[in-house]
Amino acid sequence: MIRSVTSRARRAFRTAADAIRSTVASASLVRDRAAELVPDPADVFTPDEMPDVETIETTAADYLAACDEARAADRGKRRTRKLLDRLPAGVYGRFTVERTPSSRTTVDLEAVRATYARLGLGPVPMKRCAPSLRITEAAEVVAFPAAEGGTEEPTAAALAA
């Protein structure tokens, strides 16, 4: 009884501490994003080809929803794999559990580093992965005044600032 109360109190304290830490320390996680940005790819829309803002908003919202669904599916897969990974190969009701070798391969960096060191070639050359597409929803859309005194739609550069 005392052990369960202590355990619950510890868990509640950890949860509260994590919540406070994520709120207070989140500002320290924000860095200058200008250093992280990469140039646009060569095949972006020209000004004449740009779709209207409503189409872009709908597409971005659909993308964010699909990302949320994919994350939820990944969490579900990880949760179910905890049990399935520990099962020995066999038939369980309607399902067969077995392990097959993967056809995917990856570079053994430790072996490459050892070879480079043995041959005196210096560090192993590395290249960056393709840039990731990041979509964030603005909390509030603000129209910026135009030069003639009217209003114009906010630009991507103005929203990113």
N, C-alpha and C. Protein backbone atom coordinates (compact mmCIF):
# COMPACT_ATOMS: atom_id res chain seq x y z
N MET A 1 0.82 -1.18 0.00
CA MET A 1 0.00 0.00 0.00
C MET A 1 0.87 1.25 0.00
N ILE A 2 1.81 1.33 0.91
CA ILE A 2 2.69 2.50 1.00
C ILE A 2 3.55 2.57 -0.26
N ARG A 3 3.99 1.41 -0.73
CA ARG A 3 4.83 1.37 -1.93
C ARG A 3 4.07 1.93 -3.14
N SER A 4 2.79 1.57 -3.30
CA SER A 4 2.01 2.06 -4.44
C SER A 4 1.76 3.56 -4.33
N VAL A 5 1.52 4.06 -3.13
CA VAL A 5 1.32 5.50 -2.94
C VAL A 5 2.62 6.24 -3.26
N THR A 6 3.73 5.72 -2.79
CA THR A 6 5.02 6.33 -3.07
C THR A 6 5.31 6.31 -4.56
N SER A 7 5.01 5.19 -5.20
CA SER A 7 5.22 5.08 -6.64
C SER A 7 4.37 6.07 -7.41
N ARG A 8 3.12 6.21 -7.01
CA ARG A 8 2.23 7.17 -7.67
C ARG A 8 2.70 8.60 -7.45
N ALA A 9 3.15 8.89 -6.24
CA ALA A 9 3.64 10.24 -5.95
C ALA A 9 4.88 10.55 -6.78
N ARG A 10 5.79 9.57 -6.88
CA ARG A 10 6.98 9.77 -7.70
C ARG A 10 6.62 10.01 -9.16
N ARG A 11 5.68 9.20 -9.67
CA ARG A 11 5.24 9.33 -11.05
C ARG A 11 4.60 10.70 -11.29
N ALA A 12 3.77 11.15 -10.36
CA ALA A 12 3.12 12.46 -10.49
C ALA A 12 4.16 13.58 -10.45
N PHE A 13 5.15 13.44 -9.57
CA PHE A 13 6.21 14.44 -9.49
C PHE A 13 7.00 14.49 -10.79
N ARG A 14 7.34 13.31 -11.35
CA ARG A 14 8.08 13.27 -12.62
C ARG A 14 7.28 13.90 -13.74
N THR A 15 5.98 13.60 -13.79
CA THR A 15 5.12 14.18 -14.82
C THR A 15 5.07 15.69 -14.70
N ALA A 16 4.90 16.19 -13.49
CA ALA A 16 4.86 17.64 -13.28
C ALA A 16 6.21 18.27 -13.63
N ALA A 17 7.29 17.63 -13.22
CA ALA A 17 8.63 18.17 -13.52
C ALA A 17 8.87 18.19 -15.03
N ASP A 18 8.46 17.14 -15.72
CA ASP A 18 8.62 17.11 -17.18
C ASP A 18 7.81 18.21 -17.84
N ALA A 19 6.58 18.42 -17.36
CA ALA A 19 5.74 19.47 -17.93
C ALA A 19 6.36 20.84 -17.72
N ILE A 20 6.86 21.09 -16.51
CA ILE A 20 7.49 22.38 -16.23
C ILE A 20 8.75 22.54 -17.06
N ARG A 21 9.55 21.49 -17.13
CA ARG A 21 10.79 21.55 -17.90
C ARG A 21 10.51 21.81 -19.37
N SER A 22 9.48 21.17 -19.93
CA SER A 22 9.17 21.38 -21.34
C SER A 22 8.66 22.78 -21.59
N THR A 23 7.99 23.39 -20.60
CA THR A 23 7.49 24.75 -20.77
C THR A 23 8.61 25.77 -20.59
N VAL A 24 9.39 25.61 -19.55
CA VAL A 24 10.44 26.57 -19.24
C VAL A 24 11.62 26.42 -20.20
N ALA A 25 12.04 25.20 -20.46
CA ALA A 25 13.23 24.97 -21.28
C ALA A 25 12.94 25.03 -22.76
N SER A 26 11.66 25.08 -23.16
CA SER A 26 11.38 25.08 -24.59
C SER A 26 11.95 26.32 -25.27
N ALA A 27 11.99 27.45 -24.56
CA ALA A 27 12.57 28.65 -25.14
C ALA A 27 14.06 28.47 -25.42
N SER A 28 14.74 27.68 -24.61
CA SER A 28 16.16 27.45 -24.85
C SER A 28 16.39 26.52 -26.03
N LEU A 29 15.35 25.78 -26.43
CA LEU A 29 15.48 24.89 -27.57
C LEU A 29 15.34 25.63 -28.90
N VAL A 30 14.75 26.82 -28.86
CA VAL A 30 14.56 27.60 -30.08
C VAL A 30 15.89 28.25 -30.41
N ARG A 31 16.35 28.00 -31.62
CA ARG A 31 17.62 28.57 -32.06
C ARG A 31 17.36 29.46 -33.26
N ASP A 32 18.37 30.09 -33.71
CA ASP A 32 18.28 30.90 -34.91
C ASP A 32 18.02 29.96 -36.08
N ARG A 33 16.83 30.04 -36.67
CA ARG A 33 16.46 29.13 -37.74
C ARG A 33 17.13 29.50 -39.06
N ALA A 34 17.61 30.72 -39.18
CA ALA A 34 18.25 31.13 -40.43
C ALA A 34 19.45 30.25 -40.73
N ALA A 35 20.16 29.83 -39.70
CA ALA A 35 21.33 28.98 -39.90
C ALA A 35 20.92 27.58 -40.35
N GLU A 36 19.68 27.16 -40.05
CA GLU A 36 19.23 25.83 -40.38
C GLU A 36 18.60 25.74 -41.77
N LEU A 37 18.20 26.87 -42.35
CA LEU A 37 17.48 26.84 -43.61
C LEU A 37 18.41 26.54 -44.77
N VAL A 38 17.88 25.87 -45.76
CA VAL A 38 18.63 25.57 -46.98
C VAL A 38 17.93 26.26 -48.13
N PRO A 39 18.64 26.51 -49.23
CA PRO A 39 17.99 27.18 -50.36
C PRO A 39 16.90 26.31 -50.98
N ASP A 40 15.98 26.97 -51.66
CA ASP A 40 14.91 26.25 -52.34
C ASP A 40 15.49 25.39 -53.45
N PRO A 41 14.83 24.25 -53.76
CA PRO A 41 15.28 23.44 -54.89
C PRO A 41 15.07 24.19 -56.20
N ALA A 42 15.64 23.70 -57.27
CA ALA A 42 15.59 24.39 -58.56
C ALA A 42 14.21 24.38 -59.19
N ASP A 43 13.36 23.42 -58.83
CA ASP A 43 12.08 23.28 -59.52
C ASP A 43 10.89 23.89 -58.76
N VAL A 44 11.11 24.93 -57.95
CA VAL A 44 9.99 25.57 -57.26
C VAL A 44 9.16 26.37 -58.26
N PHE A 45 7.92 26.68 -57.87
CA PHE A 45 7.04 27.45 -58.74
C PHE A 45 7.63 28.82 -59.06
N THR A 46 7.42 29.26 -60.28
CA THR A 46 7.75 30.65 -60.63
C THR A 46 6.59 31.51 -60.15
N PRO A 47 6.75 32.82 -60.07
CA PRO A 47 5.64 33.67 -59.63
C PRO A 47 4.37 33.48 -60.47
N ASP A 48 4.51 33.20 -61.75
CA ASP A 48 3.34 33.01 -62.61
C ASP A 48 2.64 31.68 -62.34
N GLU A 49 3.37 30.69 -61.86
CA GLU A 49 2.82 29.35 -61.65
C GLU A 49 2.24 29.15 -60.25
N MET A 50 2.45 30.11 -59.36
CA MET A 50 2.05 29.93 -57.96
C MET A 50 0.55 29.66 -57.83
N PRO A 51 0.18 28.60 -57.07
CA PRO A 51 -1.24 28.36 -56.81
C PRO A 51 -1.76 29.40 -55.82
N ASP A 52 -3.09 29.50 -55.70
CA ASP A 52 -3.65 30.47 -54.78
C ASP A 52 -3.43 30.02 -53.33
N VAL A 53 -3.55 30.97 -52.40
CA VAL A 53 -3.25 30.72 -51.00
C VAL A 53 -4.17 29.64 -50.42
N GLU A 54 -5.44 29.63 -50.83
CA GLU A 54 -6.39 28.63 -50.31
C GLU A 54 -5.95 27.21 -50.67
N THR A 55 -5.46 27.03 -51.90
CA THR A 55 -4.97 25.71 -52.33
C THR A 55 -3.77 25.29 -51.49
N ILE A 56 -2.86 26.24 -51.26
CA ILE A 56 -1.67 25.94 -50.46
C ILE A 56 -2.07 25.60 -49.02
N GLU A 57 -3.00 26.38 -48.45
CA GLU A 57 -3.45 26.11 -47.07
C GLU A 57 -4.09 24.73 -46.97
N THR A 58 -4.95 24.38 -47.93
CA THR A 58 -5.63 23.08 -47.91
C THR A 58 -4.61 21.95 -48.03
N THR A 59 -3.65 22.11 -48.94
CA THR A 59 -2.63 21.09 -49.14
C THR A 59 -1.75 20.95 -47.90
N ALA A 60 -1.36 22.07 -47.29
CA ALA A 60 -0.52 22.02 -46.09
C ALA A 60 -1.28 21.37 -44.94
N ALA A 61 -2.57 21.68 -44.80
CA ALA A 61 -3.38 21.06 -43.74
C ALA A 61 -3.50 19.56 -43.96
N ASP A 62 -3.70 19.15 -45.22
CA ASP A 62 -3.76 17.72 -45.53
C ASP A 62 -2.43 17.03 -45.21
N TYR A 63 -1.33 17.70 -45.52
CA TYR A 63 0.00 17.16 -45.24
C TYR A 63 0.20 16.98 -43.73
N LEU A 64 -0.15 18.01 -42.95
CA LEU A 64 0.00 17.91 -41.49
C LEU A 64 -0.87 16.79 -40.93
N ALA A 65 -2.09 16.64 -41.45
CA ALA A 65 -2.97 15.56 -40.98
C ALA A 65 -2.38 14.20 -41.31
N ALA A 66 -1.82 14.07 -42.52
CA ALA A 66 -1.20 12.80 -42.91
C ALA A 66 0.02 12.50 -42.04
N CYS A 67 0.80 13.55 -41.69
CA CYS A 67 1.96 13.35 -40.80
C CYS A 67 1.51 12.87 -39.43
N ASP A 68 0.43 13.46 -38.91
CA ASP A 68 -0.10 13.04 -37.61
C ASP A 68 -0.55 11.58 -37.65
N GLU A 69 -1.23 11.19 -38.74
CA GLU A 69 -1.68 9.81 -38.89
C GLU A 69 -0.49 8.86 -38.97
N ALA A 70 0.56 9.27 -39.69
CA ALA A 70 1.75 8.42 -39.82
C ALA A 70 2.44 8.25 -38.47
N ARG A 71 2.53 9.35 -37.70
CA ARG A 71 3.15 9.25 -36.36
C ARG A 71 2.33 8.33 -35.46
N ALA A 72 1.01 8.47 -35.52
CA ALA A 72 0.15 7.60 -34.70
C ALA A 72 0.32 6.15 -35.11
N ALA A 73 0.41 5.89 -36.41
CA ALA A 73 0.62 4.52 -36.88
C ALA A 73 1.97 3.99 -36.43
N ASP A 74 3.01 4.82 -36.48
CA ASP A 74 4.34 4.39 -36.02
C ASP A 74 4.33 4.06 -34.54
N ARG A 75 3.64 4.90 -33.75
CA ARG A 75 3.55 4.60 -32.31
C ARG A 75 2.82 3.28 -32.08
N GLY A 76 1.76 3.03 -32.84
CA GLY A 76 1.02 1.77 -32.72
C GLY A 76 1.89 0.59 -33.09
N LYS A 77 2.67 0.72 -34.16
CA LYS A 77 3.57 -0.37 -34.57
C LYS A 77 4.61 -0.65 -33.49
N ARG A 78 5.21 0.42 -32.93
CA ARG A 78 6.21 0.21 -31.89
C ARG A 78 5.60 -0.46 -30.66
N ARG A 79 4.39 -0.04 -30.30
CA ARG A 79 3.73 -0.62 -29.13
C ARG A 79 3.46 -2.11 -29.34
N THR A 80 2.98 -2.49 -30.51
CA THR A 80 2.66 -3.91 -30.76
C THR A 80 3.92 -4.74 -30.96
N ARG A 81 4.98 -4.14 -31.47
CA ARG A 81 6.21 -4.90 -31.68
C ARG A 81 6.85 -5.34 -30.37
N LYS A 82 6.58 -4.62 -29.29
CA LYS A 82 7.16 -5.00 -28.00
C LYS A 82 6.82 -6.44 -27.66
N LEU A 83 5.59 -6.83 -27.91
CA LEU A 83 5.19 -8.21 -27.64
C LEU A 83 5.64 -9.14 -28.75
N LEU A 84 5.40 -8.74 -30.00
CA LEU A 84 5.68 -9.62 -31.13
C LEU A 84 7.17 -9.92 -31.29
N ASP A 85 8.04 -8.97 -30.99
CA ASP A 85 9.48 -9.20 -31.12
C ASP A 85 9.99 -10.27 -30.15
N ARG A 86 9.30 -10.47 -29.05
CA ARG A 86 9.75 -11.44 -28.06
C ARG A 86 9.21 -12.84 -28.30
N LEU A 87 8.27 -12.98 -29.25
CA LEU A 87 7.70 -14.30 -29.53
C LEU A 87 8.68 -15.17 -30.30
N PRO A 88 8.77 -16.45 -29.96
CA PRO A 88 9.55 -17.35 -30.81
C PRO A 88 8.79 -17.60 -32.11
N ALA A 89 9.51 -17.97 -33.16
CA ALA A 89 8.87 -18.27 -34.43
C ALA A 89 7.86 -19.39 -34.24
N GLY A 90 6.71 -19.25 -34.91
CA GLY A 90 5.68 -20.28 -34.79
C GLY A 90 4.34 -19.78 -35.30
N VAL A 91 3.34 -20.65 -35.20
CA VAL A 91 1.99 -20.32 -35.62
C VAL A 91 1.17 -20.02 -34.38
N TYR A 92 0.52 -18.86 -34.39
CA TYR A 92 -0.30 -18.43 -33.27
C TYR A 92 -1.69 -18.11 -33.81
N GLY A 93 -2.60 -19.08 -33.71
CA GLY A 93 -3.94 -18.88 -34.25
C GLY A 93 -3.88 -18.71 -35.75
N ARG A 94 -4.36 -17.58 -36.24
CA ARG A 94 -4.36 -17.31 -37.67
C ARG A 94 -3.04 -16.73 -38.17
N PHE A 95 -2.12 -16.42 -37.27
CA PHE A 95 -0.91 -15.69 -37.66
C PHE A 95 0.34 -16.54 -37.48
N THR A 96 1.25 -16.38 -38.43
CA THR A 96 2.56 -17.03 -38.37
C THR A 96 3.59 -15.97 -38.06
N VAL A 97 4.42 -16.23 -37.07
CA VAL A 97 5.50 -15.32 -36.71
C VAL A 97 6.80 -15.97 -37.17
N GLU A 98 7.54 -15.25 -38.00
CA GLU A 98 8.84 -15.76 -38.47
C GLU A 98 9.75 -14.57 -38.73
N ARG A 99 11.01 -14.84 -38.83
CA ARG A 99 11.98 -13.79 -39.11
C ARG A 99 12.69 -14.15 -40.41
N THR A 100 12.77 -13.17 -41.30
CA THR A 100 13.43 -13.38 -42.59
C THR A 100 14.57 -12.39 -42.72
N PRO A 101 15.62 -12.75 -43.43
CA PRO A 101 16.73 -11.81 -43.59
C PRO A 101 16.30 -10.60 -44.43
N SER A 102 16.85 -9.47 -44.11
CA SER A 102 16.51 -8.24 -44.82
C SER A 102 17.32 -8.16 -46.10
N SER A 103 16.72 -7.61 -47.14
CA SER A 103 17.44 -7.40 -48.39
C SER A 103 18.10 -6.03 -48.42
N ARG A 104 17.79 -5.19 -47.42
CA ARG A 104 18.40 -3.86 -47.36
C ARG A 104 19.82 -3.97 -46.83
N THR A 105 20.69 -3.14 -47.35
CA THR A 105 22.06 -3.10 -46.86
C THR A 105 22.41 -1.66 -46.52
N THR A 106 23.40 -1.53 -45.68
CA THR A 106 23.90 -0.21 -45.31
C THR A 106 25.41 -0.29 -45.17
N VAL A 107 26.05 0.83 -45.31
CA VAL A 107 27.51 0.88 -45.23
C VAL A 107 27.94 0.63 -43.79
N ASP A 108 28.93 -0.21 -43.59
CA ASP A 108 29.50 -0.45 -42.28
C ASP A 108 30.55 0.63 -42.04
N LEU A 109 30.15 1.72 -41.40
CA LEU A 109 31.04 2.86 -41.23
C LEU A 109 32.27 2.53 -40.41
N GLU A 110 32.12 1.66 -39.44
CA GLU A 110 33.30 1.29 -38.63
C GLU A 110 34.35 0.60 -39.51
N ALA A 111 33.92 -0.28 -40.40
CA ALA A 111 34.86 -0.95 -41.31
C ALA A 111 35.48 0.04 -42.29
N VAL A 112 34.69 0.98 -42.78
CA VAL A 112 35.20 1.99 -43.70
C VAL A 112 36.21 2.88 -42.98
N ARG A 113 35.90 3.29 -41.75
CA ARG A 113 36.84 4.11 -40.99
C ARG A 113 38.15 3.35 -40.75
N ALA A 114 38.04 2.07 -40.42
CA ALA A 114 39.24 1.27 -40.20
C ALA A 114 40.06 1.16 -41.48
N THR A 115 39.42 0.98 -42.61
CA THR A 115 40.12 0.90 -43.89
C THR A 115 40.80 2.22 -44.22
N TYR A 116 40.07 3.33 -44.03
CA TYR A 116 40.66 4.65 -44.29
C TYR A 116 41.86 4.87 -43.40
N ALA A 117 41.76 4.50 -42.12
CA ALA A 117 42.87 4.69 -41.18
C ALA A 117 44.05 3.82 -41.59
N ARG A 118 43.77 2.57 -41.97
CA ARG A 118 44.85 1.65 -42.37
C ARG A 118 45.58 2.16 -43.60
N LEU A 119 44.85 2.77 -44.55
CA LEU A 119 45.46 3.25 -45.79
C LEU A 119 45.91 4.71 -45.70
N GLY A 120 45.69 5.35 -44.54
CA GLY A 120 46.13 6.73 -44.34
C GLY A 120 45.37 7.72 -45.21
N LEU A 121 44.09 7.50 -45.43
CA LEU A 121 43.30 8.36 -46.30
C LEU A 121 42.61 9.51 -45.58
N GLY A 122 42.79 9.62 -44.28
CA GLY A 122 42.16 10.71 -43.53
C GLY A 122 40.74 10.33 -43.12
N PRO A 123 39.94 11.34 -42.81
CA PRO A 123 38.57 11.06 -42.37
C PRO A 123 37.70 10.58 -43.54
N VAL A 124 36.67 9.84 -43.20
CA VAL A 124 35.73 9.33 -44.20
C VAL A 124 34.89 10.50 -44.69
N PRO A 125 34.81 10.71 -46.01
CA PRO A 125 33.97 11.82 -46.49
C PRO A 125 32.49 11.51 -46.25
N MET A 126 31.78 12.52 -45.80
CA MET A 126 30.35 12.37 -45.51
C MET A 126 29.60 13.45 -46.27
N LYS A 127 28.33 13.17 -46.58
CA LYS A 127 27.49 14.20 -47.18
C LYS A 127 26.18 14.24 -46.42
N ARG A 128 25.55 15.39 -46.46
CA ARG A 128 24.28 15.57 -45.76
C ARG A 128 23.15 14.86 -46.50
N CYS A 129 22.13 14.48 -45.74
CA CYS A 129 20.93 13.90 -46.33
C CYS A 129 20.13 15.02 -46.98
N ALA A 130 19.13 14.64 -47.75
CA ALA A 130 18.26 15.62 -48.38
C ALA A 130 17.56 16.45 -47.31
N PRO A 131 17.32 17.74 -47.59
CA PRO A 131 16.64 18.56 -46.59
C PRO A 131 15.23 18.06 -46.32
N SER A 132 14.77 18.25 -45.10
CA SER A 132 13.43 17.83 -44.71
C SER A 132 12.45 18.97 -44.96
N LEU A 133 11.25 18.62 -45.38
CA LEU A 133 10.19 19.60 -45.55
C LEU A 133 9.53 19.81 -44.20
N ARG A 134 9.49 21.05 -43.74
CA ARG A 134 8.88 21.35 -42.45
C ARG A 134 7.69 22.28 -42.69
N ILE A 135 6.53 21.88 -42.24
CA ILE A 135 5.31 22.68 -42.37
C ILE A 135 4.83 23.00 -40.97
N THR A 136 4.63 24.29 -40.69
CA THR A 136 4.08 24.69 -39.41
C THR A 136 2.88 25.59 -39.66
N GLU A 137 1.89 25.47 -38.82
CA GLU A 137 0.69 26.28 -38.97
C GLU A 137 0.83 27.54 -38.13
N ALA A 138 0.59 28.68 -38.76
CA ALA A 138 0.66 29.95 -38.04
C ALA A 138 -0.51 30.05 -37.08
N ALA A 139 -0.26 30.61 -35.91
CA ALA A 139 -1.33 30.77 -34.93
C ALA A 139 -2.34 31.80 -35.42
N GLU A 140 -1.86 32.79 -36.15
CA GLU A 140 -2.72 33.86 -36.63
C GLU A 140 -2.13 34.40 -37.92
N VAL A 141 -2.94 34.56 -38.96
CA VAL A 141 -2.47 35.11 -40.23
C VAL A 141 -2.66 36.61 -40.18
N VAL A 142 -1.59 37.33 -40.46
CA VAL A 142 -1.61 38.78 -40.41
C VAL A 142 -1.42 39.31 -41.81
N ALA A 143 -2.28 40.22 -42.27
CA ALA A 143 -2.12 40.86 -43.57
C ALA A 143 -1.19 42.05 -43.40
N PHE A 144 -0.21 42.18 -44.26
CA PHE A 144 0.75 43.27 -44.19
C PHE A 144 0.30 44.38 -45.13
N PRO A 145 0.47 45.65 -44.74
CA PRO A 145 0.03 46.75 -45.61
C PRO A 145 0.87 46.80 -46.88
N ALA A 146 0.20 47.08 -48.02
CA ALA A 146 0.89 47.22 -49.30
C ALA A 146 1.46 48.63 -49.40
N ALA A 147 2.27 48.84 -50.40
CA ALA A 147 2.91 50.15 -50.60
C ALA A 147 1.88 51.24 -50.89
N GLU A 148 0.75 50.89 -51.60
CA GLU A 148 -0.25 51.88 -51.93
C GLU A 148 -1.25 52.10 -50.81
N GLY A 149 -1.12 51.45 -49.70
CA GLY A 149 -2.03 51.64 -48.60
C GLY A 149 -3.05 50.54 -48.45
N GLY A 150 -3.14 49.60 -49.40
CA GLY A 150 -4.06 48.47 -49.30
C GLY A 150 -3.44 47.38 -48.46
N THR A 151 -3.98 46.18 -48.59
CA THR A 151 -3.38 45.04 -47.88
C THR A 151 -2.99 44.00 -48.88
N GLU A 152 -2.00 43.26 -48.55
CA GLU A 152 -1.55 42.16 -49.40
C GLU A 152 -1.36 40.94 -48.53
N GLU A 153 -1.34 39.79 -49.17
CA GLU A 153 -1.15 38.54 -48.45
C GLU A 153 0.27 38.50 -47.89
N PRO A 154 0.46 37.92 -46.73
CA PRO A 154 1.82 37.79 -46.18
C PRO A 154 2.63 36.85 -47.04
N THR A 155 3.89 37.18 -47.23
CA THR A 155 4.77 36.32 -48.01
C THR A 155 5.34 35.24 -47.11
N ALA A 156 5.87 34.19 -47.74
CA ALA A 156 6.48 33.11 -46.98
C ALA A 156 7.66 33.62 -46.15
N ALA A 157 8.43 34.56 -46.75
CA ALA A 157 9.58 35.10 -46.02
C ALA A 157 9.12 35.90 -44.81
N ALA A 158 8.00 36.63 -44.96
CA ALA A 158 7.49 37.42 -43.82
C ALA A 158 6.96 36.51 -42.74
N LEU A 159 6.30 35.40 -43.12
CA LEU A 159 5.79 34.47 -42.11
C LEU A 159 6.91 33.74 -41.41
N ALA A 160 8.00 33.47 -42.11
CA ALA A 160 9.12 32.74 -41.51
C ALA A 160 9.89 33.60 -40.53
N ALA A 161 9.82 34.91 -40.71
CA ALA A 161 10.58 35.83 -39.85
C ALA A 161 10.03 35.88 -38.45
